[in-house]
Protein backbone atom coordinates (compact mmCIF):
# COMPACT_ATOMS: atom_id res chain seq x y z
CA MET A 1 1.01 -9.55 19.59
CA VAL A 2 1.81 -8.12 16.61
CA SER A 3 -0.37 -8.36 13.30
CA PHE A 4 0.64 -8.61 9.77
CA ARG A 5 -1.25 -8.10 6.73
CA THR A 6 0.18 -10.06 4.27
CA PHE A 7 -0.80 -12.53 0.97
CA ILE A 8 -0.78 -16.22 0.14
CA HIS A 9 1.58 -16.59 -3.02
CA HIS A 10 2.04 -19.85 -4.72
CA GLY A 11 0.74 -21.47 -1.40
CA SER A 12 3.06 -19.83 0.76
CA ILE A 13 2.48 -17.09 3.40
CA GLU A 14 4.99 -14.31 3.83
CA ILE A 15 5.54 -12.83 6.60
CA PRO A 16 7.99 -9.33 7.31
CA ALA A 17 10.39 -9.80 9.90
CA THR A 18 10.94 -7.34 12.66
CA LYS A 19 12.59 -6.31 15.78
CA GLU A 20 9.40 -7.54 17.64
CA LEU A 21 9.82 -11.11 16.78
CA PRO A 22 13.52 -12.26 16.98
CA ASP A 23 14.83 -14.97 14.96
CA GLY A 24 14.01 -18.50 16.58
CA THR A 25 10.50 -16.79 18.54
CA GLU A 26 8.01 -19.36 18.55
CA VAL A 27 4.35 -17.62 17.30
CA LEU A 28 1.18 -18.99 16.34
CA VAL A 29 -0.46 -18.11 12.88
CA GLN A 30 -3.86 -17.86 12.56
CA VAL A 31 -5.21 -16.99 8.61
CA THR A 32 -8.13 -15.37 8.27
CA PRO A 33 -9.36 -14.21 4.60
CA LEU A 34 -9.65 -10.42 4.20
CA GLY A 35 -12.74 -10.78 1.61
CA GLU A 36 -12.40 -10.41 -2.07
CA PRO A 37 -9.31 -8.44 -3.57
CA LEU A 38 -9.17 -5.46 -5.40
CA GLY A 39 -8.38 -6.12 -8.76
CA ILE A 40 -5.80 -8.66 -9.65
CA ASN A 41 -2.87 -10.51 -7.66
CA GLU A 42 0.44 -9.62 -9.46
CA CYS A 43 1.41 -13.35 -9.98
CA ASP A 44 -2.03 -13.48 -12.24
CA TRP A 45 -0.89 -10.30 -14.31
CA ASP A 46 -0.11 -11.35 -18.10
CA ASP A 47 3.05 -10.19 -18.55
CA THR A 48 3.70 -11.59 -21.94
CA PRO A 49 4.15 -9.19 -24.74
CA ASP A 50 0.43 -9.61 -25.85
CA GLY A 51 -0.92 -9.15 -22.60
CA ILE A 52 1.26 -6.05 -22.02
CA ALA A 53 -0.17 -4.50 -25.88
CA ASN A 54 -3.55 -5.21 -24.45
CA TRP A 55 -3.08 -3.81 -21.57
CA LEU A 56 -1.49 -0.30 -22.96
CA ASP A 57 -4.40 -0.79 -25.89
CA TRP A 58 -6.86 -0.39 -22.27
CA LEU A 59 -4.74 2.21 -21.28
CA GLU A 60 -4.97 4.66 -24.00
CA THR A 61 -8.49 4.16 -24.06
CA LEU A 62 -8.92 6.61 -20.59
CA GLU A 63 -10.08 9.73 -20.51
CA PRO A 64 -8.07 12.57 -18.44
CA LEU A 65 -9.38 13.43 -14.90
CA SER A 66 -11.29 17.08 -15.15
CA PHE A 67 -12.35 19.20 -12.24
CA THR A 68 -14.27 22.03 -11.67
CA ASP A 69 -12.89 24.97 -10.38
CA ASP A 70 -14.84 24.33 -7.06
CA GLU A 71 -13.35 20.71 -7.07
CA LEU A 72 -9.97 22.26 -7.34
CA ARG A 73 -10.38 24.84 -4.55
CA ASP A 74 -11.66 21.77 -2.41
CA LEU A 75 -8.58 19.77 -3.40
CA GLU A 76 -6.07 22.51 -2.75
CA ALA A 77 -7.67 23.26 0.85
CA ALA A 78 -7.55 19.30 1.90
CA ARG A 79 -3.62 18.98 0.73
CA ASN A 80 -3.18 22.51 2.71
CA GLU A 81 -4.92 20.53 5.61
CA GLN A 82 -3.17 17.16 5.22
CA LYS A 83 0.31 19.19 4.97
CA GLN A 84 -0.36 21.41 8.08
CA TRP A 85 -1.39 17.85 9.83
CA GLU A 86 1.76 16.32 8.84
CA LEU A 87 4.16 19.18 9.92
CA GLN A 88 2.28 19.26 13.06
CA ARG A 89 3.41 15.21 13.62
CA PHE A 90 7.11 15.79 11.66
CA SER A 91 9.24 15.73 14.61
CA ASN A 92 7.70 12.98 17.13
CA HIS A 93 7.49 10.88 14.06
CA GLY A 94 10.80 11.41 12.78
CA ASP A 95 12.04 10.91 16.25
CA LYS A 96 10.28 7.97 16.07
CA LEU A 97 11.79 6.37 13.44
CA ALA A 98 15.28 7.52 14.50
CA GLY A 99 15.13 5.26 17.10
CA GLU A 100 14.13 2.34 15.15
CA TRP A 101 17.48 2.63 13.86
CA LYS A 102 19.75 2.87 16.90
């Protein structure tokens, strides 16, 4: 079974193509709403000049993040831990990706 996470846009469901489902494969699609979305959908963005100006005005009200020295140390430690995790798995993941393109 293949699962997809997707969105409904203008009354249509878009499902990405994959090698696991070649053209002509018959499928059963069951729709399960995943709850309230965060923010707004792209199709609901106000991309008029006034809408963009309003968004830029709001953006200017945001204050920059500031971290304490302890928070910066914790963040750096978490980044290093993530980096080590990724380095340990890089080779296997790269081989898997290369196999997808063959």
